[in-house]
N, C-alpha and C. Protein backbone atom coordinates (compact mmCIF):
# COMPACT_ATOMS: atom_id res chain seq x y z
N MET A 1 208.40 56.66 119.89
CA MET A 1 208.59 57.45 121.09
C MET A 1 209.25 56.61 122.17
N GLY A 2 210.05 57.26 122.95
CA GLY A 2 210.81 56.54 123.94
C GLY A 2 210.00 56.06 125.11
N GLN A 3 208.96 56.81 125.49
CA GLN A 3 208.17 56.43 126.65
C GLN A 3 207.26 55.27 126.34
N LYS A 4 207.30 54.24 127.19
CA LYS A 4 206.46 53.06 126.99
C LYS A 4 204.98 53.41 127.12
N SER A 5 204.66 54.36 128.01
CA SER A 5 203.26 54.69 128.27
C SER A 5 202.73 55.80 127.39
N GLY A 6 203.58 56.32 126.50
CA GLY A 6 203.12 57.40 125.64
C GLY A 6 203.84 58.69 125.96
N ALA A 7 203.46 59.75 125.28
CA ALA A 7 204.13 61.03 125.47
C ALA A 7 203.15 62.17 125.37
N SER A 8 203.37 63.19 126.17
CA SER A 8 202.57 64.40 126.08
C SER A 8 203.12 65.25 124.95
N ALA A 9 202.35 66.25 124.54
CA ALA A 9 202.81 67.15 123.47
C ALA A 9 204.07 67.89 123.90
N LEU A 10 204.16 68.24 125.19
CA LEU A 10 205.33 68.95 125.68
C LEU A 10 206.59 68.10 125.59
N SER A 11 206.49 66.82 125.98
CA SER A 11 207.66 65.94 125.91
C SER A 11 208.04 65.66 124.46
N LEU A 12 207.03 65.56 123.57
CA LEU A 12 207.32 65.36 122.15
C LEU A 12 208.06 66.57 121.58
N GLN A 13 207.62 67.75 121.96
CA GLN A 13 208.27 68.98 121.51
C GLN A 13 209.72 69.03 121.96
N ARG A 14 209.96 68.67 123.19
CA ARG A 14 211.32 68.73 123.74
C ARG A 14 212.22 67.66 123.14
N ASN A 15 211.73 66.43 123.06
CA ASN A 15 212.57 65.31 122.64
C ASN A 15 212.89 65.29 121.15
N PHE A 16 211.97 65.83 120.35
CA PHE A 16 212.16 65.77 118.90
C PHE A 16 212.40 67.13 118.26
N GLY A 17 212.51 68.15 119.08
CA GLY A 17 212.82 69.47 118.54
C GLY A 17 211.72 70.06 117.68
N VAL A 18 210.47 69.71 117.99
CA VAL A 18 209.34 70.27 117.24
C VAL A 18 209.26 71.76 117.53
N GLY A 19 208.97 72.54 116.50
CA GLY A 19 209.03 73.99 116.63
C GLY A 19 208.15 74.61 117.68
N SER A 20 206.94 74.10 117.85
CA SER A 20 206.02 74.70 118.81
C SER A 20 205.19 73.63 119.50
N TYR A 21 204.65 74.01 120.65
CA TYR A 21 203.78 73.08 121.38
C TYR A 21 202.55 72.75 120.55
N ARG A 22 202.00 73.76 119.88
CA ARG A 22 200.80 73.55 119.07
C ARG A 22 201.04 72.53 117.96
N THR A 23 202.21 72.60 117.33
CA THR A 23 202.54 71.65 116.27
C THR A 23 202.64 70.24 116.83
N ALA A 24 203.29 70.10 117.99
CA ALA A 24 203.43 68.79 118.63
C ALA A 24 202.06 68.24 119.02
N TRP A 25 201.21 69.10 119.55
CA TRP A 25 199.86 68.68 119.95
C TRP A 25 199.06 68.21 118.75
N THR A 26 199.17 68.94 117.64
CA THR A 26 198.45 68.57 116.42
C THR A 26 198.95 67.24 115.87
N LEU A 27 200.28 67.03 115.91
CA LEU A 27 200.87 65.78 115.43
C LEU A 27 200.37 64.59 116.24
N LEU A 28 200.34 64.74 117.57
CA LEU A 28 199.84 63.66 118.42
C LEU A 28 198.36 63.38 118.14
N GLY A 29 197.61 64.44 117.90
CA GLY A 29 196.20 64.27 117.59
C GLY A 29 195.98 63.47 116.32
N LYS A 30 196.80 63.72 115.31
CA LYS A 30 196.69 62.99 114.05
C LYS A 30 197.04 61.51 114.24
N LEU A 31 198.05 61.25 115.07
CA LEU A 31 198.43 59.87 115.34
C LEU A 31 197.32 59.14 116.10
N ARG A 32 196.71 59.81 117.07
CA ARG A 32 195.63 59.17 117.83
C ARG A 32 194.44 58.85 116.93
N SER A 33 194.22 59.68 115.92
CA SER A 33 193.09 59.44 115.02
C SER A 33 193.25 58.15 114.23
N CYS A 34 194.49 57.65 114.16
CA CYS A 34 194.75 56.40 113.43
C CYS A 34 194.55 55.17 114.31
N MET A 35 194.27 55.39 115.59
CA MET A 35 194.19 54.28 116.53
C MET A 35 192.82 53.63 116.57
N VAL A 36 191.84 54.22 115.90
CA VAL A 36 190.49 53.66 115.88
C VAL A 36 190.04 53.53 114.44
N GLN A 37 189.65 52.33 114.06
CA GLN A 37 189.14 52.07 112.73
C GLN A 37 187.63 51.90 112.78
N THR A 38 186.93 52.54 111.87
CA THR A 38 185.47 52.47 111.88
C THR A 38 184.96 51.04 111.65
N ALA A 39 185.79 50.21 111.01
CA ALA A 39 185.38 48.83 110.71
C ALA A 39 185.85 47.82 111.75
N ARG A 40 186.37 48.29 112.87
CA ARG A 40 186.87 47.34 113.87
C ARG A 40 185.73 46.51 114.44
N GLN A 41 186.06 45.29 114.82
CA GLN A 41 185.05 44.36 115.34
C GLN A 41 184.58 44.79 116.72
N ARG A 42 183.31 44.55 116.99
CA ARG A 42 182.77 44.86 118.31
C ARG A 42 183.15 43.76 119.31
N LEU A 43 183.07 44.08 120.58
CA LEU A 43 183.33 43.09 121.62
C LEU A 43 182.25 42.03 121.56
N CYS A 44 182.54 40.84 122.08
CA CYS A 44 181.57 39.74 122.01
C CYS A 44 181.76 38.79 123.17
N GLY A 45 180.83 37.83 123.27
CA GLY A 45 180.89 36.85 124.36
C GLY A 45 180.33 37.44 125.64
N GLU A 46 181.02 37.20 126.75
CA GLU A 46 180.65 37.81 128.02
C GLU A 46 181.47 39.08 128.22
N VAL A 47 180.79 40.17 128.50
CA VAL A 47 181.46 41.47 128.58
C VAL A 47 181.02 42.21 129.85
N GLU A 48 181.97 42.55 130.68
CA GLU A 48 181.67 43.39 131.84
C GLU A 48 181.50 44.83 131.38
N VAL A 49 180.50 45.51 131.90
CA VAL A 49 180.23 46.90 131.55
C VAL A 49 179.97 47.70 132.82
N ASP A 50 180.56 48.86 132.89
CA ASP A 50 180.35 49.75 134.04
C ASP A 50 180.65 51.17 133.60
N GLU A 51 180.34 52.11 134.45
CA GLU A 51 180.70 53.49 134.19
C GLU A 51 181.61 53.99 135.29
N SER A 52 182.48 54.92 134.96
CA SER A 52 183.41 55.47 135.93
C SER A 52 183.56 56.96 135.67
N PHE A 53 184.43 57.60 136.46
CA PHE A 53 184.66 59.03 136.30
C PHE A 53 186.14 59.30 136.14
N LEU A 54 186.45 60.29 135.34
CA LEU A 54 187.82 60.73 135.15
C LEU A 54 187.87 62.22 135.42
N GLY A 55 188.77 62.64 136.29
CA GLY A 55 188.87 64.06 136.62
C GLY A 55 188.59 64.32 138.08
N GLY A 56 188.74 65.59 138.48
CA GLY A 56 188.54 65.98 139.86
C GLY A 56 187.10 66.32 140.17
N THR A 57 186.87 66.83 141.38
CA THR A 57 185.52 67.11 141.86
C THR A 57 184.78 68.09 140.95
N ASN A 58 185.46 69.14 140.53
CA ASN A 58 184.82 70.17 139.71
C ASN A 58 185.13 70.02 138.23
N ASN A 59 185.74 68.92 137.86
CA ASN A 59 186.12 68.70 136.46
C ASN A 59 186.04 67.20 136.17
N LYS A 60 184.84 66.65 136.37
CA LYS A 60 184.66 65.20 136.31
C LYS A 60 183.86 64.81 135.08
N GLU A 61 184.35 63.81 134.34
CA GLU A 61 183.68 63.34 133.15
C GLU A 61 183.33 61.86 133.30
N THR A 62 182.17 61.45 132.76
CA THR A 62 181.71 60.08 132.85
C THR A 62 182.29 59.25 131.71
N ILE A 63 182.82 58.07 132.04
CA ILE A 63 183.44 57.18 131.06
C ILE A 63 182.73 55.84 131.08
N GLY A 64 182.34 55.34 129.90
CA GLY A 64 181.82 53.99 129.78
C GLY A 64 182.98 53.03 129.61
N VAL A 65 182.97 51.92 130.36
CA VAL A 65 184.06 50.95 130.33
C VAL A 65 183.49 49.56 130.03
N ALA A 66 184.05 48.88 129.04
CA ALA A 66 183.63 47.52 128.69
C ALA A 66 184.86 46.64 128.53
N ALA A 67 184.82 45.44 129.11
CA ALA A 67 185.96 44.52 129.06
C ALA A 67 185.47 43.10 128.84
N GLU A 68 185.99 42.44 127.82
CA GLU A 68 185.63 41.06 127.56
C GLU A 68 186.15 40.16 128.68
N ILE A 69 185.33 39.17 129.05
CA ILE A 69 185.74 38.17 130.04
C ILE A 69 186.39 37.02 129.30
N ARG A 70 187.65 36.78 129.59
CA ARG A 70 188.39 35.68 128.98
C ARG A 70 188.98 34.82 130.08
N GLY A 71 188.17 33.88 130.59
CA GLY A 71 188.60 33.09 131.74
C GLY A 71 188.73 33.99 132.94
N GLN A 72 189.88 33.93 133.60
CA GLN A 72 190.16 34.82 134.72
C GLN A 72 190.77 36.13 134.27
N GLY A 73 191.03 36.25 132.97
CA GLY A 73 191.71 37.43 132.46
C GLY A 73 190.78 38.39 131.73
N ILE A 74 191.42 39.37 131.08
CA ILE A 74 190.71 40.42 130.35
C ILE A 74 191.03 40.29 128.87
N GLY A 75 189.98 40.28 128.05
CA GLY A 75 190.18 40.29 126.61
C GLY A 75 190.33 41.70 126.09
N ARG A 76 189.63 42.02 125.02
CA ARG A 76 189.69 43.38 124.48
C ARG A 76 188.83 44.31 125.31
N ILE A 77 189.11 45.60 125.21
CA ILE A 77 188.34 46.59 125.95
C ILE A 77 187.86 47.69 125.01
N ARG A 78 186.89 48.45 125.49
CA ARG A 78 186.44 49.66 124.83
C ARG A 78 186.16 50.73 125.90
N LEU A 79 186.46 51.98 125.58
CA LEU A 79 186.17 53.11 126.45
C LEU A 79 185.45 54.17 125.64
N GLN A 80 184.49 54.83 126.27
CA GLN A 80 183.78 55.90 125.56
C GLN A 80 183.42 57.02 126.53
N HIS A 81 183.67 58.23 126.11
CA HIS A 81 183.28 59.41 126.88
C HIS A 81 181.78 59.59 126.76
N LEU A 82 181.09 59.57 127.89
CA LEU A 82 179.64 59.70 127.90
C LEU A 82 179.25 61.11 128.32
N GLY A 83 178.24 61.65 127.66
CA GLY A 83 177.80 62.99 128.02
C GLY A 83 177.14 63.03 129.38
N ALA A 84 176.54 61.93 129.76
CA ALA A 84 175.86 61.84 131.06
C ALA A 84 175.67 60.37 131.40
N LYS A 85 175.43 60.11 132.68
CA LYS A 85 175.17 58.75 133.13
C LYS A 85 173.68 58.48 132.99
N SER A 86 173.24 58.37 131.73
CA SER A 86 171.82 58.23 131.45
C SER A 86 171.53 56.92 130.73
N HIS A 87 170.26 56.57 130.67
CA HIS A 87 169.81 55.37 129.98
C HIS A 87 170.25 55.40 128.52
N GLU A 88 170.04 56.51 127.85
CA GLU A 88 170.36 56.62 126.43
C GLU A 88 171.86 56.49 126.18
N GLU A 89 172.67 57.14 126.99
CA GLU A 89 174.11 57.11 126.80
C GLU A 89 174.67 55.71 127.05
N LEU A 90 174.25 55.07 128.13
CA LEU A 90 174.77 53.75 128.48
C LEU A 90 174.33 52.69 127.48
N HIS A 91 173.08 52.75 127.06
CA HIS A 91 172.60 51.78 126.06
C HIS A 91 173.27 52.03 124.71
N GLY A 92 173.49 53.29 124.36
CA GLY A 92 174.18 53.60 123.12
C GLY A 92 175.61 53.09 123.13
N PHE A 93 176.26 53.19 124.27
CA PHE A 93 177.62 52.68 124.44
C PHE A 93 177.66 51.17 124.18
N ILE A 94 176.71 50.45 124.74
CA ILE A 94 176.66 48.99 124.58
C ILE A 94 176.34 48.60 123.14
N THR A 95 175.32 49.18 122.58
CA THR A 95 174.87 48.76 121.24
C THR A 95 175.87 49.12 120.14
N SER A 96 176.66 50.16 120.35
CA SER A 96 177.62 50.57 119.32
C SER A 96 178.93 49.80 119.39
N LEU A 97 179.24 49.22 120.55
CA LEU A 97 180.56 48.61 120.74
C LEU A 97 180.54 47.13 121.09
N ILE A 98 179.35 46.55 121.33
CA ILE A 98 179.26 45.14 121.72
C ILE A 98 178.25 44.43 120.82
N ASP A 99 178.60 43.24 120.34
CA ASP A 99 177.73 42.48 119.45
C ASP A 99 176.43 42.08 120.14
N PRO A 100 175.29 42.21 119.45
CA PRO A 100 174.02 41.67 119.99
C PRO A 100 174.17 40.17 120.25
N GLY A 101 173.49 39.69 121.27
CA GLY A 101 173.62 38.29 121.64
C GLY A 101 174.65 38.06 122.72
N SER A 102 175.51 39.03 122.93
CA SER A 102 176.52 38.92 123.98
C SER A 102 175.87 39.03 125.35
N LYS A 103 176.54 38.49 126.36
CA LYS A 103 176.04 38.62 127.73
C LYS A 103 176.68 39.85 128.37
N ILE A 104 175.86 40.79 128.79
CA ILE A 104 176.33 42.02 129.42
C ILE A 104 176.30 41.80 130.93
N VAL A 105 177.46 41.86 131.55
CA VAL A 105 177.59 41.63 133.00
C VAL A 105 177.80 42.98 133.67
N THR A 106 176.89 43.37 134.54
CA THR A 106 176.94 44.69 135.17
C THR A 106 176.69 44.60 136.67
N ASP A 107 176.70 45.75 137.33
CA ASP A 107 176.23 45.81 138.69
C ASP A 107 174.69 45.88 138.63
N ARG A 108 174.08 46.23 139.73
CA ARG A 108 172.61 46.21 139.77
C ARG A 108 171.98 47.56 139.44
N ASN A 109 172.68 48.37 138.72
CA ASN A 109 172.12 49.63 138.24
C ASN A 109 170.91 49.31 137.36
N SER A 110 169.77 49.85 137.70
CA SER A 110 168.53 49.52 136.97
C SER A 110 168.57 49.95 135.51
N THR A 111 169.46 50.84 135.15
CA THR A 111 169.57 51.32 133.77
C THR A 111 169.86 50.18 132.80
N TYR A 112 170.59 49.18 133.27
CA TYR A 112 171.02 48.09 132.39
C TYR A 112 169.95 47.01 132.18
N ARG A 113 168.93 46.98 132.99
CA ARG A 113 167.97 45.88 132.95
C ARG A 113 167.30 45.72 131.58
N THR A 114 166.97 46.82 130.95
CA THR A 114 166.22 46.74 129.70
C THR A 114 167.11 46.53 128.48
N ILE A 115 168.40 46.30 128.68
CA ILE A 115 169.27 46.05 127.53
C ILE A 115 168.88 44.75 126.82
N VAL A 116 168.18 43.86 127.53
CA VAL A 116 167.72 42.60 126.92
C VAL A 116 166.73 42.87 125.78
N GLU A 117 166.06 44.00 125.83
CA GLU A 117 165.11 44.35 124.78
C GLU A 117 165.80 44.67 123.46
N LYS A 118 167.12 44.85 123.52
CA LYS A 118 167.89 45.17 122.32
C LYS A 118 168.73 43.99 121.85
N GLY A 119 168.36 42.80 122.31
CA GLY A 119 169.00 41.59 121.79
C GLY A 119 170.20 41.10 122.57
N TYR A 120 170.36 41.55 123.81
CA TYR A 120 171.48 41.12 124.64
C TYR A 120 170.99 40.26 125.80
N GLN A 121 171.87 39.42 126.30
CA GLN A 121 171.65 38.76 127.58
C GLN A 121 172.15 39.69 128.67
N HIS A 122 171.65 39.54 129.87
CA HIS A 122 172.09 40.43 130.94
C HIS A 122 172.22 39.67 132.25
N GLU A 123 173.31 39.92 132.95
CA GLU A 123 173.53 39.34 134.28
C GLU A 123 173.97 40.46 135.21
N ALA A 124 173.21 40.67 136.26
CA ALA A 124 173.54 41.70 137.25
C ALA A 124 174.26 41.07 138.42
N LYS A 125 175.47 41.53 138.68
CA LYS A 125 176.25 41.01 139.79
C LYS A 125 175.97 41.81 141.06
N LYS A 126 175.81 41.11 142.15
CA LYS A 126 175.59 41.77 143.43
C LYS A 126 176.88 42.43 143.89
N LYS A 127 176.77 43.69 144.31
CA LYS A 127 177.94 44.38 144.84
C LYS A 127 178.16 43.93 146.29
N PRO A 128 179.32 43.36 146.59
CA PRO A 128 179.56 42.86 147.94
C PRO A 128 179.73 43.98 148.95
N TYR A 129 179.31 43.71 150.15
CA TYR A 129 179.51 44.67 151.23
C TYR A 129 180.76 44.30 152.01
N SER A 130 181.30 45.25 152.75
CA SER A 130 182.58 45.06 153.42
C SER A 130 182.56 43.93 154.44
N TRP A 131 181.38 43.65 154.98
CA TRP A 131 181.32 42.61 156.01
C TRP A 131 181.09 41.22 155.44
N GLU A 132 180.93 41.12 154.13
CA GLU A 132 180.73 39.81 153.52
C GLU A 132 182.06 39.12 153.27
N ASP A 133 182.04 37.82 153.34
CA ASP A 133 183.24 37.04 153.07
C ASP A 133 183.37 36.86 151.56
N ILE A 134 184.32 37.56 150.95
CA ILE A 134 184.48 37.55 149.51
C ILE A 134 185.70 36.70 149.14
N GLY A 135 185.47 35.67 148.36
CA GLY A 135 186.57 34.83 147.92
C GLY A 135 187.48 35.57 146.95
N ARG A 136 188.71 35.08 146.82
CA ARG A 136 189.70 35.76 145.98
C ARG A 136 189.27 35.84 144.52
N ASN A 137 188.59 34.82 144.02
CA ASN A 137 188.20 34.79 142.61
C ASN A 137 186.74 35.16 142.39
N ASP A 138 186.12 35.80 143.39
CA ASP A 138 184.73 36.18 143.27
C ASP A 138 184.59 37.28 142.23
N ASP A 139 183.71 37.06 141.25
CA ASP A 139 183.53 38.01 140.15
C ASP A 139 182.46 39.06 140.43
N ARG A 140 181.88 39.06 141.62
CA ARG A 140 180.77 39.97 141.88
C ARG A 140 181.20 41.42 141.84
N ARG A 141 182.49 41.67 141.96
CA ARG A 141 182.99 43.04 142.01
C ARG A 141 183.34 43.60 140.63
N LEU A 142 182.98 42.91 139.57
CA LEU A 142 183.34 43.33 138.21
C LEU A 142 184.83 43.67 138.15
N PRO A 143 185.68 42.71 138.46
CA PRO A 143 187.12 42.99 138.60
C PRO A 143 187.78 43.49 137.33
N ARG A 144 187.29 43.11 136.16
CA ARG A 144 187.97 43.48 134.92
C ARG A 144 187.80 44.97 134.61
N VAL A 145 186.56 45.45 134.67
CA VAL A 145 186.36 46.87 134.38
C VAL A 145 187.00 47.74 135.46
N HIS A 146 187.00 47.27 136.70
CA HIS A 146 187.63 48.04 137.76
C HIS A 146 189.15 48.09 137.58
N ARG A 147 189.73 47.00 137.11
CA ARG A 147 191.16 46.97 136.82
C ARG A 147 191.50 47.91 135.67
N VAL A 148 190.70 47.88 134.63
CA VAL A 148 190.92 48.76 133.48
C VAL A 148 190.81 50.22 133.91
N THR A 149 189.80 50.54 134.71
CA THR A 149 189.61 51.91 135.17
C THR A 149 190.80 52.38 135.99
N SER A 150 191.31 51.52 136.87
CA SER A 150 192.47 51.87 137.69
C SER A 150 193.69 52.15 136.82
N LEU A 151 193.92 51.30 135.83
CA LEU A 151 195.07 51.50 134.94
C LEU A 151 194.90 52.75 134.08
N LEU A 152 193.67 53.01 133.64
CA LEU A 152 193.41 54.21 132.85
C LEU A 152 193.76 55.47 133.62
N LYS A 153 193.31 55.55 134.86
CA LYS A 153 193.56 56.75 135.66
C LYS A 153 195.05 56.92 135.95
N ARG A 154 195.72 55.82 136.24
CA ARG A 154 197.15 55.89 136.51
C ARG A 154 197.90 56.37 135.27
N TRP A 155 197.50 55.85 134.10
CA TRP A 155 198.15 56.23 132.85
C TRP A 155 197.86 57.68 132.49
N TYR A 156 196.59 58.07 132.60
CA TYR A 156 196.19 59.40 132.16
C TYR A 156 196.85 60.49 133.01
N TYR A 157 196.78 60.31 134.33
CA TYR A 157 197.34 61.35 135.19
C TYR A 157 198.87 61.31 135.22
N GLY A 158 199.44 60.14 134.95
CA GLY A 158 200.89 60.03 134.95
C GLY A 158 201.52 60.57 133.68
N THR A 159 200.79 60.48 132.56
CA THR A 159 201.34 60.92 131.28
C THR A 159 200.83 62.28 130.85
N TYR A 160 199.54 62.53 131.08
CA TYR A 160 198.92 63.78 130.64
C TYR A 160 198.39 64.55 131.84
N HIS A 161 199.26 65.30 132.46
CA HIS A 161 198.90 66.03 133.68
C HIS A 161 197.92 67.17 133.37
N GLY A 162 197.11 67.53 134.35
CA GLY A 162 196.25 68.68 134.18
C GLY A 162 194.78 68.35 134.16
N ARG A 163 193.99 69.37 133.84
CA ARG A 163 192.54 69.25 133.83
C ARG A 163 192.04 68.41 132.65
N ILE A 164 190.82 67.93 132.79
CA ILE A 164 190.18 67.17 131.71
C ILE A 164 189.53 68.16 130.74
N ASP A 165 189.81 67.99 129.46
CA ASP A 165 189.15 68.78 128.41
C ASP A 165 188.06 67.90 127.81
N PRO A 166 186.80 68.14 128.17
CA PRO A 166 185.72 67.26 127.69
C PRO A 166 185.68 67.12 126.17
N ALA A 167 185.94 68.21 125.47
CA ALA A 167 185.84 68.17 124.00
C ALA A 167 186.93 67.30 123.37
N GLY A 168 188.07 67.16 124.06
CA GLY A 168 189.18 66.41 123.48
C GLY A 168 189.53 65.14 124.21
N LEU A 169 188.62 64.63 125.05
CA LEU A 169 188.94 63.48 125.89
C LEU A 169 188.95 62.16 125.12
N GLN A 170 188.00 61.96 124.18
CA GLN A 170 187.86 60.67 123.52
C GLN A 170 189.15 60.18 122.84
N PRO A 171 189.92 61.03 122.15
CA PRO A 171 191.16 60.53 121.54
C PRO A 171 192.15 59.94 122.55
N TYR A 172 192.17 60.48 123.78
CA TYR A 172 193.04 59.91 124.80
C TYR A 172 192.54 58.53 125.23
N LEU A 173 191.22 58.39 125.33
CA LEU A 173 190.65 57.08 125.65
C LEU A 173 190.95 56.08 124.54
N ASP A 174 190.89 56.54 123.29
CA ASP A 174 191.20 55.67 122.15
C ASP A 174 192.66 55.22 122.19
N GLU A 175 193.54 56.13 122.60
CA GLU A 175 194.96 55.77 122.70
C GLU A 175 195.16 54.69 123.76
N PHE A 176 194.49 54.84 124.90
CA PHE A 176 194.63 53.84 125.96
C PHE A 176 194.12 52.49 125.49
N VAL A 177 192.97 52.47 124.79
CA VAL A 177 192.42 51.21 124.27
C VAL A 177 193.41 50.57 123.29
N PHE A 178 193.96 51.37 122.41
CA PHE A 178 194.93 50.88 121.43
C PHE A 178 196.11 50.22 122.13
N ARG A 179 196.63 50.86 123.15
CA ARG A 179 197.78 50.32 123.88
C ARG A 179 197.40 49.07 124.68
N PHE A 180 196.26 49.14 125.36
CA PHE A 180 195.86 48.02 126.21
C PHE A 180 195.60 46.76 125.39
N ASN A 181 194.92 46.90 124.28
CA ASN A 181 194.57 45.74 123.47
C ASN A 181 195.78 45.13 122.78
N ARG A 182 196.90 45.81 122.83
CA ARG A 182 198.15 45.28 122.26
C ARG A 182 199.21 45.08 123.34
N ARG A 183 198.76 44.94 124.57
CA ARG A 183 199.67 44.86 125.71
C ARG A 183 200.54 43.62 125.71
N THR A 184 200.09 42.56 125.03
CA THR A 184 200.87 41.32 125.02
C THR A 184 201.86 41.27 123.86
N SER A 185 201.88 42.31 123.04
CA SER A 185 202.82 42.34 121.93
C SER A 185 204.25 42.41 122.45
N ARG A 186 205.13 41.65 121.85
CA ARG A 186 206.53 41.63 122.28
C ARG A 186 207.38 42.68 121.56
N SER A 187 206.76 43.37 120.63
CA SER A 187 207.52 44.34 119.84
C SER A 187 206.83 45.69 119.86
N ARG A 188 207.40 46.65 120.61
CA ARG A 188 206.86 48.00 120.62
C ARG A 188 207.03 48.64 119.25
N GLY A 189 208.11 48.29 118.56
CA GLY A 189 208.36 48.84 117.24
C GLY A 189 207.28 48.43 116.25
N LEU A 190 206.80 47.18 116.38
CA LEU A 190 205.77 46.69 115.48
C LEU A 190 204.45 47.42 115.72
N ILE A 191 204.15 47.74 117.00
CA ILE A 191 202.93 48.48 117.31
C ILE A 191 202.96 49.84 116.63
N PHE A 192 204.10 50.52 116.72
CA PHE A 192 204.23 51.83 116.07
C PHE A 192 204.11 51.69 114.56
N HIS A 193 204.71 50.62 114.03
CA HIS A 193 204.63 50.36 112.59
C HIS A 193 203.18 50.18 112.15
N ARG A 194 202.39 49.46 112.95
CA ARG A 194 200.99 49.22 112.61
C ARG A 194 200.20 50.52 112.61
N MET A 195 200.54 51.41 113.55
CA MET A 195 199.83 52.67 113.62
C MET A 195 200.15 53.54 112.41
N VAL A 196 201.41 53.57 112.02
CA VAL A 196 201.80 54.33 110.83
C VAL A 196 201.16 53.72 109.58
N GLU A 197 201.12 52.39 109.54
CA GLU A 197 200.49 51.70 108.43
C GLU A 197 199.02 52.07 108.33
N ALA A 198 198.37 52.21 109.49
CA ALA A 198 196.96 52.59 109.49
C ALA A 198 196.77 54.00 108.94
N ALA A 199 197.75 54.86 109.19
CA ALA A 199 197.66 56.24 108.69
C ALA A 199 197.78 56.28 107.18
N VAL A 200 198.59 55.38 106.62
CA VAL A 200 198.84 55.39 105.18
C VAL A 200 197.87 54.48 104.43
N PHE A 201 197.59 53.30 105.02
CA PHE A 201 196.69 52.32 104.40
C PHE A 201 195.59 51.94 105.40
N PRO A 202 194.61 52.82 105.63
CA PRO A 202 193.61 52.57 106.68
C PRO A 202 192.80 51.31 106.51
N ASN A 203 192.68 50.78 105.30
CA ASN A 203 191.88 49.58 105.08
C ASN A 203 192.62 48.29 105.33
N LYS A 204 193.92 48.37 105.63
CA LYS A 204 194.73 47.16 105.78
C LYS A 204 195.00 46.80 107.24
N ILE A 205 194.63 47.66 108.16
CA ILE A 205 194.93 47.39 109.56
C ILE A 205 194.03 46.28 110.10
N ASN A 206 194.55 45.53 111.07
CA ASN A 206 193.75 44.49 111.72
C ASN A 206 192.59 45.15 112.47
N THR A 207 191.38 44.81 112.11
CA THR A 207 190.21 45.47 112.72
C THR A 207 189.69 44.75 113.93
N SER A 208 190.34 43.68 114.38
CA SER A 208 189.83 42.89 115.50
C SER A 208 190.03 43.57 116.83
N THR A 209 190.96 44.53 116.92
CA THR A 209 191.23 45.16 118.21
C THR A 209 190.66 46.55 118.31
């Protein structure tokens, strides 16, 4: 596809002469299904975790966001559509996508405190107030997950305009994760090749991302 950030079903239909919008939408859905492998490795080490929202006031969905801490940068990420901002949902997000023994870095939401009972380390960062003197490299603001959330919203609303469909949101989050975790690749063609390879030979794809 020509667009670096992806394509909507409508643009795919127009650019490639696909017969109907429904056909284009189905094709994109099949491609997105190849972007997540059930055997992919979980995040590890120190991982920032937070929850955010995607959508407008009357059409808002909760998203779990996790980002590996790699020095001052961001390692791999994971995103998951959560049914609610609850203890069960947030703990399920962590245990399914992050290796036990990892350090979970969060804000001071009390929901995260008991994650240590499931074999994780936990560090709660103080949320700075506007009147505090915050250094440029201060990590108290969970900068990695906030950066990922900002990029996600910019990408989603810029590429896929319209309301949030709760039932079909996760594949879009999977697409963003696939793109983000391969952001340093110098070959867009190779990324597409890997996705097609995953569709044909699902057991041969690199499961680390």
